[in-house]
Amino acid sequence: MSEFPEVLRSVAGKRISSVRDALFALESTQIDEQGAGYLVALYTSSKQLDVRKQILKLLYDFDLQALDGFFALAYRKERYLDMKIYALRGLARRSEEKQLQQLLEGFRQTLAKRQHSTPYNYQEYELLRGRNALPYLVERYGYACLRDTLEQVNQQYEAMPEAFKGHFTVDENGTLITLREPGASSAMIRQFFASKDVQI
């Protein structure tokens, strides 16, 4: 097992580029109880979305004592629904179905509002449908509240115009996989808005 990077043990006074490089190169095999504690400290102090997301993805499959309160805190803190689901993945390892059900009731209400406030938010739907997100949770736990949430995500996704579907997907490791050339995706979306007389 490689040693936990020194630069992540205390990020005070360190260049953010060095911290970011070490974080995004970090493997789960390098994380122990102490390392998880360092990552939790980095998460709570970070204002950078990609840093917090990476930490959630690194930690969500660990059963370490240092993480017992972390995922509940992360679930409350995050505004983006995909990041809430990553926090929920960690929380599900240490929670009963009833606790998840209560959280997901509020989640589904927010999700329903998103359909009206940001009707073409295809990126968020694809992240929620990713193999490391709701489908993973449904497959692993099988709870009705998780199935209902995934079903709602899929219904709202299907309700979008075709121009916003099938641009990318997410694999079981949380890696984005593009399904179309970036130029083709942009052209489809531009064409959709042009047909509606909307300037983008």
N, C-alpha and C. Protein backbone atom coordinates (compact mmCIF):
# COMPACT_ATOMS: atom_id res chain seq x y z
N MET A 1 0.84 -1.19 0.00
CA MET A 1 0.00 0.00 0.00
C MET A 1 0.88 1.24 0.00
N SER A 2 0.62 2.17 -0.93
CA SER A 2 1.36 3.42 -0.97
C SER A 2 0.98 4.28 0.21
N GLU A 3 1.90 5.12 0.62
CA GLU A 3 1.65 5.99 1.76
C GLU A 3 0.70 7.12 1.39
N PHE A 4 -0.08 7.55 2.36
CA PHE A 4 -0.98 8.68 2.16
C PHE A 4 -0.14 9.93 1.90
N PRO A 5 -0.47 10.72 0.87
CA PRO A 5 0.37 11.86 0.50
C PRO A 5 0.51 12.91 1.61
N GLU A 6 1.72 13.34 1.82
CA GLU A 6 2.01 14.34 2.86
C GLU A 6 1.24 15.63 2.63
N VAL A 7 1.13 16.04 1.37
CA VAL A 7 0.48 17.32 1.05
C VAL A 7 -0.99 17.34 1.47
N LEU A 8 -1.62 16.16 1.61
CA LEU A 8 -3.02 16.09 2.01
C LEU A 8 -3.20 15.98 3.52
N ARG A 9 -2.11 15.81 4.25
CA ARG A 9 -2.20 15.68 5.71
C ARG A 9 -2.54 17.01 6.36
N SER A 10 -2.01 18.07 5.83
CA SER A 10 -2.35 19.42 6.28
C SER A 10 -2.20 20.34 5.08
N VAL A 11 -3.31 20.89 4.64
CA VAL A 11 -3.26 21.68 3.40
C VAL A 11 -3.00 23.15 3.67
N ALA A 12 -2.92 23.54 4.93
CA ALA A 12 -2.67 24.95 5.26
C ALA A 12 -1.34 25.40 4.66
N GLY A 13 -1.39 26.48 3.93
CA GLY A 13 -0.18 27.04 3.34
C GLY A 13 0.32 26.33 2.10
N LYS A 14 -0.38 25.29 1.65
CA LYS A 14 0.04 24.54 0.46
C LYS A 14 -0.63 25.14 -0.79
N ARG A 15 0.05 25.02 -1.91
CA ARG A 15 -0.54 25.48 -3.17
C ARG A 15 -1.71 24.57 -3.54
N ILE A 16 -2.80 25.20 -3.96
CA ILE A 16 -3.99 24.42 -4.29
C ILE A 16 -3.73 23.45 -5.43
N SER A 17 -2.85 23.81 -6.35
CA SER A 17 -2.54 22.90 -7.46
C SER A 17 -1.88 21.63 -6.95
N SER A 18 -1.02 21.74 -5.94
CA SER A 18 -0.36 20.56 -5.37
C SER A 18 -1.36 19.68 -4.63
N VAL A 19 -2.25 20.33 -3.89
CA VAL A 19 -3.29 19.59 -3.16
C VAL A 19 -4.20 18.87 -4.15
N ARG A 20 -4.62 19.58 -5.18
CA ARG A 20 -5.52 19.01 -6.19
C ARG A 20 -4.86 17.83 -6.90
N ASP A 21 -3.61 17.99 -7.31
CA ASP A 21 -2.90 16.91 -8.00
C ASP A 21 -2.83 15.66 -7.13
N ALA A 22 -2.49 15.85 -5.85
CA ALA A 22 -2.39 14.71 -4.93
C ALA A 22 -3.74 14.06 -4.71
N LEU A 23 -4.78 14.87 -4.56
CA LEU A 23 -6.12 14.35 -4.32
C LEU A 23 -6.63 13.53 -5.50
N PHE A 24 -6.45 14.05 -6.71
CA PHE A 24 -6.99 13.37 -7.88
C PHE A 24 -6.14 12.17 -8.31
N ALA A 25 -4.94 12.05 -7.74
CA ALA A 25 -4.10 10.87 -7.99
C ALA A 25 -4.26 9.83 -6.89
N LEU A 26 -4.95 10.18 -5.82
CA LEU A 26 -5.09 9.31 -4.66
C LEU A 26 -5.93 8.08 -5.00
N GLU A 27 -5.46 6.92 -4.56
CA GLU A 27 -6.19 5.66 -4.74
C GLU A 27 -6.84 5.27 -3.41
N SER A 28 -7.96 4.58 -3.48
CA SER A 28 -8.65 4.18 -2.25
C SER A 28 -7.78 3.27 -1.38
N THR A 29 -6.85 2.54 -1.99
CA THR A 29 -5.97 1.65 -1.22
C THR A 29 -5.00 2.42 -0.34
N GLN A 30 -4.84 3.72 -0.58
CA GLN A 30 -3.94 4.55 0.22
C GLN A 30 -4.64 5.14 1.44
N ILE A 31 -5.94 4.93 1.55
CA ILE A 31 -6.72 5.58 2.61
C ILE A 31 -6.96 4.62 3.77
N ASP A 32 -6.55 5.05 4.96
CA ASP A 32 -6.86 4.33 6.19
C ASP A 32 -7.66 5.28 7.08
N GLU A 33 -7.88 4.90 8.33
CA GLU A 33 -8.66 5.72 9.26
C GLU A 33 -8.11 7.15 9.35
N GLN A 34 -6.80 7.25 9.50
CA GLN A 34 -6.17 8.57 9.64
C GLN A 34 -6.29 9.37 8.33
N GLY A 35 -6.05 8.70 7.22
CA GLY A 35 -6.17 9.36 5.92
C GLY A 35 -7.59 9.87 5.68
N ALA A 36 -8.59 9.07 6.08
CA ALA A 36 -9.98 9.50 5.94
C ALA A 36 -10.23 10.77 6.74
N GLY A 37 -9.64 10.83 7.93
CA GLY A 37 -9.76 12.04 8.76
C GLY A 37 -9.19 13.27 8.08
N TYR A 38 -8.04 13.11 7.41
CA TYR A 38 -7.44 14.22 6.67
C TYR A 38 -8.36 14.68 5.53
N LEU A 39 -8.95 13.70 4.85
CA LEU A 39 -9.83 14.04 3.73
C LEU A 39 -11.11 14.73 4.21
N VAL A 40 -11.63 14.31 5.36
CA VAL A 40 -12.81 14.97 5.93
C VAL A 40 -12.48 16.43 6.26
N ALA A 41 -11.29 16.66 6.83
CA ALA A 41 -10.87 18.03 7.15
C ALA A 41 -10.75 18.87 5.88
N LEU A 42 -10.20 18.28 4.83
CA LEU A 42 -10.08 18.99 3.56
C LEU A 42 -11.46 19.30 2.98
N TYR A 43 -12.36 18.32 3.04
CA TYR A 43 -13.72 18.51 2.54
C TYR A 43 -14.40 19.68 3.25
N THR A 44 -14.34 19.69 4.57
CA THR A 44 -15.07 20.70 5.33
C THR A 44 -14.50 22.10 5.13
N SER A 45 -13.23 22.19 4.77
CA SER A 45 -12.62 23.51 4.57
C SER A 45 -12.66 23.97 3.11
N SER A 46 -13.00 23.07 2.19
CA SER A 46 -12.92 23.40 0.77
C SER A 46 -14.18 24.07 0.24
N LYS A 47 -13.98 25.11 -0.54
CA LYS A 47 -15.09 25.76 -1.24
C LYS A 47 -15.18 25.27 -2.68
N GLN A 48 -14.23 24.43 -3.08
CA GLN A 48 -14.17 23.98 -4.48
C GLN A 48 -14.99 22.71 -4.67
N LEU A 49 -15.95 22.83 -5.55
CA LEU A 49 -16.91 21.76 -5.80
C LEU A 49 -16.24 20.46 -6.25
N ASP A 50 -15.29 20.55 -7.17
CA ASP A 50 -14.67 19.33 -7.69
C ASP A 50 -13.84 18.63 -6.62
N VAL A 51 -13.26 19.39 -5.70
CA VAL A 51 -12.49 18.80 -4.60
C VAL A 51 -13.43 18.05 -3.67
N ARG A 52 -14.55 18.67 -3.31
CA ARG A 52 -15.51 18.00 -2.42
C ARG A 52 -16.09 16.75 -3.08
N LYS A 53 -16.40 16.86 -4.37
CA LYS A 53 -16.96 15.71 -5.08
C LYS A 53 -15.97 14.54 -5.11
N GLN A 54 -14.71 14.85 -5.37
CA GLN A 54 -13.69 13.80 -5.42
C GLN A 54 -13.55 13.11 -4.06
N ILE A 55 -13.60 13.89 -2.99
CA ILE A 55 -13.49 13.32 -1.64
C ILE A 55 -14.69 12.42 -1.35
N LEU A 56 -15.89 12.86 -1.70
CA LEU A 56 -17.07 12.00 -1.50
C LEU A 56 -16.91 10.68 -2.23
N LYS A 57 -16.45 10.74 -3.47
CA LYS A 57 -16.30 9.52 -4.28
C LYS A 57 -15.19 8.61 -3.73
N LEU A 58 -14.15 9.21 -3.17
CA LEU A 58 -13.08 8.40 -2.58
C LEU A 58 -13.54 7.69 -1.30
N LEU A 59 -14.43 8.33 -0.55
CA LEU A 59 -14.77 7.83 0.78
C LEU A 59 -16.08 7.05 0.88
N TYR A 60 -16.96 7.12 -0.14
CA TYR A 60 -18.30 6.60 0.07
C TYR A 60 -18.41 5.09 0.26
N ASP A 61 -17.36 4.35 0.00
CA ASP A 61 -17.43 2.90 0.21
C ASP A 61 -16.67 2.42 1.45
N PHE A 62 -16.22 3.35 2.29
CA PHE A 62 -15.47 2.99 3.48
C PHE A 62 -16.38 2.90 4.71
N ASP A 63 -16.05 1.94 5.59
CA ASP A 63 -16.74 1.79 6.88
C ASP A 63 -15.77 2.16 8.00
N LEU A 64 -15.34 3.39 8.04
CA LEU A 64 -14.37 3.83 9.03
C LEU A 64 -15.06 4.71 10.06
N GLN A 65 -14.60 4.62 11.30
CA GLN A 65 -15.20 5.39 12.38
C GLN A 65 -15.11 6.89 12.12
N ALA A 66 -14.03 7.32 11.48
CA ALA A 66 -13.83 8.75 11.18
C ALA A 66 -14.93 9.30 10.28
N LEU A 67 -15.69 8.42 9.64
CA LEU A 67 -16.70 8.86 8.68
C LEU A 67 -18.13 8.80 9.23
N ASP A 68 -18.27 8.38 10.49
CA ASP A 68 -19.61 8.15 11.02
C ASP A 68 -20.55 9.36 10.91
N GLY A 69 -20.08 10.55 11.21
CA GLY A 69 -20.94 11.72 11.08
C GLY A 69 -20.75 12.47 9.78
N PHE A 70 -19.72 12.10 9.04
CA PHE A 70 -19.32 12.86 7.86
C PHE A 70 -20.38 12.89 6.77
N PHE A 71 -20.94 11.73 6.44
CA PHE A 71 -21.86 11.68 5.30
C PHE A 71 -23.18 12.40 5.57
N ALA A 72 -23.63 12.40 6.83
CA ALA A 72 -24.83 13.17 7.18
C ALA A 72 -24.55 14.66 7.01
N LEU A 73 -23.38 15.10 7.43
CA LEU A 73 -22.97 16.50 7.27
C LEU A 73 -22.89 16.86 5.79
N ALA A 74 -22.28 15.98 5.00
CA ALA A 74 -22.12 16.23 3.56
C ALA A 74 -23.48 16.28 2.87
N TYR A 75 -24.39 15.40 3.27
CA TYR A 75 -25.72 15.40 2.65
C TYR A 75 -26.43 16.73 2.88
N ARG A 76 -26.32 17.25 4.11
CA ARG A 76 -26.95 18.54 4.43
C ARG A 76 -26.27 19.70 3.71
N LYS A 77 -24.95 19.61 3.57
CA LYS A 77 -24.17 20.72 3.01
C LYS A 77 -24.37 20.91 1.51
N GLU A 78 -24.42 19.81 0.79
CA GLU A 78 -24.40 19.89 -0.68
C GLU A 78 -25.73 20.33 -1.26
N ARG A 79 -25.65 21.16 -2.29
CA ARG A 79 -26.84 21.64 -2.99
C ARG A 79 -27.10 20.84 -4.26
N TYR A 80 -26.04 20.39 -4.90
CA TYR A 80 -26.20 19.62 -6.14
C TYR A 80 -26.69 18.22 -5.81
N LEU A 81 -27.69 17.77 -6.55
CA LEU A 81 -28.32 16.50 -6.23
C LEU A 81 -27.39 15.30 -6.41
N ASP A 82 -26.49 15.35 -7.40
CA ASP A 82 -25.58 14.22 -7.57
C ASP A 82 -24.65 14.09 -6.37
N MET A 83 -24.23 15.22 -5.80
CA MET A 83 -23.36 15.17 -4.64
C MET A 83 -24.12 14.70 -3.40
N LYS A 84 -25.39 15.04 -3.32
CA LYS A 84 -26.22 14.51 -2.23
C LYS A 84 -26.30 12.98 -2.34
N ILE A 85 -26.42 12.47 -3.56
CA ILE A 85 -26.50 11.02 -3.75
C ILE A 85 -25.17 10.35 -3.39
N TYR A 86 -24.04 10.99 -3.70
CA TYR A 86 -22.74 10.43 -3.30
C TYR A 86 -22.64 10.39 -1.77
N ALA A 87 -23.13 11.43 -1.11
CA ALA A 87 -23.15 11.43 0.36
C ALA A 87 -24.10 10.35 0.87
N LEU A 88 -25.23 10.19 0.19
CA LEU A 88 -26.21 9.17 0.58
C LEU A 88 -25.63 7.76 0.43
N ARG A 89 -24.77 7.58 -0.57
CA ARG A 89 -24.13 6.27 -0.76
C ARG A 89 -23.29 5.90 0.47
N GLY A 90 -22.57 6.88 1.01
CA GLY A 90 -21.81 6.64 2.24
C GLY A 90 -22.72 6.48 3.44
N LEU A 91 -23.78 7.26 3.48
CA LEU A 91 -24.73 7.22 4.59
C LEU A 91 -25.49 5.89 4.63
N ALA A 92 -25.79 5.34 3.46
CA ALA A 92 -26.55 4.09 3.38
C ALA A 92 -25.82 2.93 4.06
N ARG A 93 -24.50 2.99 4.12
CA ARG A 93 -23.72 1.93 4.76
C ARG A 93 -23.92 1.91 6.27
N ARG A 94 -24.41 3.01 6.82
CA ARG A 94 -24.52 3.13 8.28
C ARG A 94 -25.91 3.60 8.71
N SER A 95 -26.92 3.43 7.85
CA SER A 95 -28.28 3.89 8.16
C SER A 95 -29.31 2.81 7.86
N GLU A 96 -30.45 2.94 8.50
CA GLU A 96 -31.58 2.06 8.23
C GLU A 96 -32.40 2.64 7.06
N GLU A 97 -33.21 1.80 6.47
CA GLU A 97 -34.04 2.22 5.34
C GLU A 97 -34.91 3.42 5.70
N LYS A 98 -35.46 3.44 6.92
CA LYS A 98 -36.37 4.51 7.33
C LYS A 98 -35.67 5.87 7.30
N GLN A 99 -34.40 5.91 7.71
CA GLN A 99 -33.65 7.17 7.69
C GLN A 99 -33.46 7.66 6.26
N LEU A 100 -33.12 6.74 5.37
CA LEU A 100 -32.94 7.10 3.97
C LEU A 100 -34.25 7.57 3.35
N GLN A 101 -35.33 6.91 3.73
CA GLN A 101 -36.65 7.26 3.20
C GLN A 101 -37.00 8.71 3.54
N GLN A 102 -36.72 9.12 4.78
CA GLN A 102 -37.01 10.50 5.19
C GLN A 102 -36.20 11.49 4.37
N LEU A 103 -34.92 11.19 4.17
CA LEU A 103 -34.06 12.08 3.38
C LEU A 103 -34.54 12.16 1.94
N LEU A 104 -34.93 11.02 1.39
CA LEU A 104 -35.29 10.98 -0.03
C LEU A 104 -36.65 11.61 -0.32
N GLU A 105 -37.50 11.73 0.69
CA GLU A 105 -38.77 12.45 0.48
C GLU A 105 -38.47 13.91 0.11
N GLY A 106 -37.59 14.53 0.87
CA GLY A 106 -37.19 15.91 0.57
C GLY A 106 -36.43 16.00 -0.74
N PHE A 107 -35.59 15.00 -1.00
CA PHE A 107 -34.81 14.95 -2.24
C PHE A 107 -35.73 14.94 -3.46
N ARG A 108 -36.76 14.10 -3.40
CA ARG A 108 -37.68 13.98 -4.54
C ARG A 108 -38.49 15.27 -4.76
N GLN A 109 -38.80 15.97 -3.68
CA GLN A 109 -39.49 17.26 -3.83
C GLN A 109 -38.59 18.25 -4.55
N THR A 110 -37.32 18.30 -4.15
CA THR A 110 -36.35 19.18 -4.81
C THR A 110 -36.19 18.79 -6.27
N LEU A 111 -36.11 17.49 -6.52
CA LEU A 111 -35.96 16.98 -7.88
C LEU A 111 -37.14 17.41 -8.75
N ALA A 112 -38.35 17.33 -8.21
CA ALA A 112 -39.54 17.74 -8.97
C ALA A 112 -39.49 19.23 -9.30
N LYS A 113 -38.99 20.04 -8.37
CA LYS A 113 -38.88 21.48 -8.63
C LYS A 113 -37.85 21.76 -9.72
N ARG A 114 -36.78 20.95 -9.76
CA ARG A 114 -35.74 21.16 -10.78
C ARG A 114 -36.31 20.99 -12.19
N GLN A 115 -37.28 20.11 -12.32
CA GLN A 115 -37.87 19.88 -13.64
C GLN A 115 -38.49 21.17 -14.19
N HIS A 116 -38.96 22.02 -13.28
CA HIS A 116 -39.59 23.27 -13.70
C HIS A 116 -38.60 24.43 -13.73
N SER A 117 -37.69 24.46 -12.75
CA SER A 117 -36.75 25.59 -12.68
C SER A 117 -35.62 25.46 -13.70
N THR A 118 -35.16 24.23 -13.94
CA THR A 118 -34.10 23.98 -14.94
C THR A 118 -34.49 22.77 -15.77
N PRO A 119 -35.43 22.95 -16.71
CA PRO A 119 -36.01 21.80 -17.42
C PRO A 119 -35.04 21.03 -18.32
N TYR A 120 -33.92 21.64 -18.69
CA TYR A 120 -32.99 20.97 -19.61
C TYR A 120 -31.67 20.62 -18.91
N ASN A 121 -31.73 20.36 -17.62
CA ASN A 121 -30.53 20.09 -16.84
C ASN A 121 -30.10 18.63 -17.02
N TYR A 122 -29.73 18.29 -18.25
CA TYR A 122 -29.42 16.90 -18.57
C TYR A 122 -28.19 16.40 -17.83
N GLN A 123 -27.22 17.28 -17.52
CA GLN A 123 -26.01 16.83 -16.83
C GLN A 123 -26.35 16.22 -15.47
N GLU A 124 -27.22 16.91 -14.72
CA GLU A 124 -27.58 16.41 -13.39
C GLU A 124 -28.29 15.06 -13.48
N TYR A 125 -29.20 14.92 -14.44
CA TYR A 125 -29.90 13.64 -14.60
C TYR A 125 -28.92 12.52 -14.93
N GLU A 126 -27.97 12.79 -15.83
CA GLU A 126 -27.00 11.74 -16.20
C GLU A 126 -26.14 11.34 -15.00
N LEU A 127 -25.77 12.31 -14.17
CA LEU A 127 -24.98 11.99 -12.98
C LEU A 127 -25.79 11.15 -11.99
N LEU A 128 -27.06 11.48 -11.81
CA LEU A 128 -27.92 10.71 -10.91
C LEU A 128 -28.17 9.30 -11.45
N ARG A 129 -28.19 9.15 -12.77
CA ARG A 129 -28.41 7.86 -13.41
C ARG A 129 -27.11 7.06 -13.58
N GLY A 130 -25.98 7.66 -13.19
CA GLY A 130 -24.68 7.01 -13.35
C GLY A 130 -24.60 5.69 -12.59
N ARG A 131 -23.77 4.79 -13.07
CA ARG A 131 -23.65 3.45 -12.46
C ARG A 131 -23.14 3.50 -11.02
N ASN A 132 -22.54 4.63 -10.61
CA ASN A 132 -22.05 4.76 -9.24
C ASN A 132 -23.04 5.50 -8.34
N ALA A 133 -24.19 5.88 -8.88
CA ALA A 133 -25.14 6.71 -8.13
C ALA A 133 -26.41 5.92 -7.80
N LEU A 134 -27.56 6.39 -8.22
CA LEU A 134 -28.82 5.73 -7.84
C LEU A 134 -28.92 4.28 -8.30
N PRO A 135 -28.53 3.93 -9.54
CA PRO A 135 -28.60 2.51 -9.92
C PRO A 135 -27.79 1.60 -8.99
N TYR A 136 -26.62 2.07 -8.56
CA TYR A 136 -25.80 1.30 -7.61
C TYR A 136 -26.57 1.09 -6.30
N LEU A 137 -27.16 2.17 -5.78
CA LEU A 137 -27.87 2.08 -4.51
C LEU A 137 -29.08 1.16 -4.60
N VAL A 138 -29.82 1.24 -5.71
CA VAL A 138 -30.98 0.37 -5.90
C VAL A 138 -30.53 -1.09 -5.96
N GLU A 139 -29.48 -1.35 -6.71
CA GLU A 139 -28.98 -2.72 -6.85
C GLU A 139 -28.45 -3.27 -5.52
N ARG A 140 -27.75 -2.44 -4.78
CA ARG A 140 -27.13 -2.91 -3.53
C ARG A 140 -28.15 -3.08 -2.40
N TYR A 141 -29.07 -2.11 -2.25
CA TYR A 141 -29.97 -2.13 -1.09
C TYR A 141 -31.40 -2.52 -1.44
N GLY A 142 -31.85 -2.20 -2.64
CA GLY A 142 -33.19 -2.59 -3.08
C GLY A 142 -34.34 -1.91 -2.36
N TYR A 143 -34.07 -0.84 -1.61
CA TYR A 143 -35.13 -0.17 -0.86
C TYR A 143 -36.12 0.50 -1.81
N ALA A 144 -37.39 0.47 -1.43
CA ALA A 144 -38.44 1.08 -2.26
C ALA A 144 -38.19 2.58 -2.45
N CYS A 145 -37.71 3.26 -1.41
CA CYS A 145 -37.48 4.71 -1.53
C CYS A 145 -36.40 5.01 -2.56
N LEU A 146 -35.42 4.14 -2.69
CA LEU A 146 -34.37 4.32 -3.70
C LEU A 146 -34.92 4.03 -5.10
N ARG A 147 -35.71 2.96 -5.22
CA ARG A 147 -36.32 2.63 -6.51
C ARG A 147 -37.24 3.76 -6.98
N ASP A 148 -38.04 4.30 -6.05
CA ASP A 148 -38.95 5.40 -6.39
C ASP A 148 -38.18 6.63 -6.87
N THR A 149 -37.06 6.90 -6.22
CA THR A 149 -36.25 8.07 -6.59
C THR A 149 -35.64 7.88 -7.97
N LEU A 150 -35.10 6.70 -8.24
CA LEU A 150 -34.53 6.43 -9.56
C LEU A 150 -35.61 6.49 -10.63
N GLU A 151 -36.78 5.97 -10.32
CA GLU A 151 -37.89 6.01 -11.28
C GLU A 151 -38.27 7.46 -11.60
N GLN A 152 -38.31 8.31 -10.58
CA GLN A 152 -38.63 9.72 -10.81
C GLN A 152 -37.55 10.39 -11.67
N VAL A 153 -36.28 10.10 -11.38
CA VAL A 153 -35.18 10.64 -12.19
C VAL A 153 -35.35 10.22 -13.64
N ASN A 154 -35.63 8.94 -13.86
CA ASN A 154 -35.78 8.44 -15.23
C ASN A 154 -36.98 9.06 -15.94
N GLN A 155 -38.08 9.25 -15.22
CA GLN A 155 -39.26 9.87 -15.82
C GLN A 155 -38.97 11.31 -16.23
N GLN A 156 -38.29 12.05 -15.36
CA GLN A 156 -37.98 13.44 -15.67
C GLN A 156 -36.95 13.53 -16.81
N TYR A 157 -36.03 12.58 -16.84
CA TYR A 157 -35.06 12.53 -17.93
C TYR A 157 -35.77 12.28 -19.25
N GLU A 158 -36.65 11.29 -19.26
CA GLU A 158 -37.37 10.94 -20.49
C GLU A 158 -38.28 12.07 -20.97
N ALA A 159 -38.72 12.92 -20.05
CA ALA A 159 -39.60 14.04 -20.42
C ALA A 159 -38.85 15.15 -21.15
N MET A 160 -37.52 15.14 -21.10
CA MET A 160 -36.74 16.16 -21.80
C MET A 160 -36.76 15.92 -23.30
N PRO A 161 -36.56 16.98 -24.09
CA PRO A 161 -36.42 16.79 -25.54
C PRO A 161 -35.21 15.92 -25.87
N GLU A 162 -35.25 15.22 -26.99
CA GLU A 162 -34.18 14.31 -27.40
C GLU A 162 -32.82 14.99 -27.51
N ALA A 163 -32.81 16.29 -27.79
CA ALA A 163 -31.55 17.03 -27.95
C ALA A 163 -30.69 17.01 -26.70
N PHE A 164 -31.29 16.69 -25.55
CA PHE A 164 -30.56 16.72 -24.28
C PHE A 164 -30.23 15.33 -23.74
N LYS A 165 -30.50 14.31 -24.53
CA LYS A 165 -30.29 12.94 -24.04
C LYS A 165 -29.10 12.27 -24.72
N GLY A 166 -28.45 11.39 -23.97
CA GLY A 166 -27.42 10.53 -24.55
C GLY A 166 -26.10 11.18 -24.88
N HIS A 167 -25.77 12.27 -24.22
CA HIS A 167 -24.49 12.94 -24.50
C HIS A 167 -23.32 12.29 -23.75
N PHE A 168 -23.59 11.83 -22.53
CA PHE A 168 -22.56 11.14 -21.75
C PHE A 168 -23.22 10.22 -20.75
N THR A 169 -22.42 9.36 -20.15
CA THR A 169 -22.88 8.50 -19.08
C THR A 169 -21.77 8.44 -18.04
N VAL A 170 -22.03 7.76 -16.93
CA VAL A 170 -21.05 7.65 -15.85
C VAL A 170 -20.90 6.18 -15.50
N ASP A 171 -19.65 5.71 -15.44
CA ASP A 171 -19.43 4.29 -15.14
C ASP A 171 -19.44 4.03 -13.63
N GLU A 172 -19.20 2.77 -13.25
CA GLU A 172 -19.27 2.38 -11.84
C GLU A 172 -18.19 3.02 -10.98
N ASN A 173 -17.14 3.55 -11.60
CA ASN A 173 -16.09 4.24 -10.85
C ASN A 173 -16.31 5.74 -10.77
N GLY A 174 -17.40 6.22 -11.35
CA GLY A 174 -17.69 7.64 -11.33
C GLY A 174 -17.01 8.42 -12.44
N THR A 175 -16.50 7.71 -13.45
CA THR A 175 -15.82 8.35 -14.57
C THR A 175 -16.83 8.70 -15.65
N LEU A 176 -16.77 9.94 -16.14
CA LEU A 176 -17.65 10.37 -17.23
C LEU A 176 -17.19 9.77 -18.54
N ILE A 177 -18.12 9.21 -19.30
CA ILE A 177 -17.83 8.64 -20.61
C ILE A 177 -18.68 9.38 -21.63
N THR A 178 -18.02 10.08 -22.55
CA THR A 178 -18.77 10.81 -23.57
C THR A 178 -19.30 9.84 -24.61
N LEU A 179 -20.52 10.06 -25.02
CA LEU A 179 -21.17 9.18 -25.99
C LEU A 179 -21.27 9.84 -27.37
N ARG A 180 -21.01 11.15 -27.41
CA ARG A 180 -21.02 11.89 -28.68
C ARG A 180 -19.80 12.79 -28.70
N GLU A 181 -19.41 13.16 -29.90
CA GLU A 181 -18.35 14.17 -30.03
C GLU A 181 -18.86 15.48 -29.42
N PRO A 182 -17.98 16.21 -28.70
CA PRO A 182 -18.43 17.48 -28.09
C PRO A 182 -19.09 18.42 -29.08
N GLY A 183 -18.56 18.49 -30.28
CA GLY A 183 -19.14 19.36 -31.30
C GLY A 183 -20.55 18.94 -31.68
N ALA A 184 -20.78 17.63 -31.73
CA ALA A 184 -22.11 17.11 -32.09
C ALA A 184 -23.11 17.43 -30.99
N SER A 185 -22.70 17.27 -29.74
CA SER A 185 -23.58 17.59 -28.61
C SER A 185 -23.97 19.06 -28.63
N SER A 186 -22.96 19.92 -28.78
CA SER A 186 -23.22 21.37 -28.80
C SER A 186 -24.15 21.74 -29.95
N ALA A 187 -23.92 21.13 -31.11
CA ALA A 187 -24.75 21.44 -32.29
C ALA A 187 -26.20 21.04 -32.05
N MET A 188 -26.42 19.87 -31.46
CA MET A 188 -27.79 19.42 -31.19
C MET A 188 -28.52 20.39 -30.26
N ILE A 189 -27.81 20.82 -29.22
CA ILE A 189 -28.43 21.71 -28.24
C ILE A 189 -28.68 23.09 -28.85
N ARG A 190 -27.71 23.59 -29.63
CA ARG A 190 -27.89 24.89 -30.30
C ARG A 190 -29.08 24.83 -31.27
N GLN A 191 -29.16 23.73 -32.00
CA GLN A 191 -30.25 23.57 -32.96
C GLN A 191 -31.61 23.56 -32.25
N PHE A 192 -31.66 22.89 -31.10
CA PHE A 192 -32.91 22.87 -30.33
C PHE A 192 -33.33 24.28 -29.93
N PHE A 193 -32.39 25.04 -29.36
CA PHE A 193 -32.73 26.39 -28.92
C PHE A 193 -33.04 27.31 -30.10
N ALA A 194 -32.35 27.11 -31.22
CA ALA A 194 -32.63 27.91 -32.42
C ALA A 194 -34.06 27.67 -32.89
N SER A 195 -34.51 26.42 -32.79
CA SER A 195 -35.88 26.09 -33.21
C SER A 195 -36.92 26.74 -32.29
N LYS A 196 -36.49 27.11 -31.09
CA LYS A 196 -37.39 27.77 -30.13
C LYS A 196 -37.18 29.28 -30.12
N ASP A 197 -36.30 29.77 -31.00
CA ASP A 197 -35.95 31.20 -31.06
C ASP A 197 -35.35 31.70 -29.75
N VAL A 198 -34.47 30.87 -29.16
CA VAL A 198 -33.78 31.25 -27.92
C VAL A 198 -32.31 31.40 -28.24
N GLN A 199 -31.72 32.53 -27.85
CA GLN A 199 -30.28 32.75 -28.05
C GLN A 199 -29.52 32.13 -26.89
N ILE A 200 -28.42 31.39 -27.20
CA ILE A 200 -27.57 30.85 -26.13
C ILE A 200 -26.15 31.32 -26.31
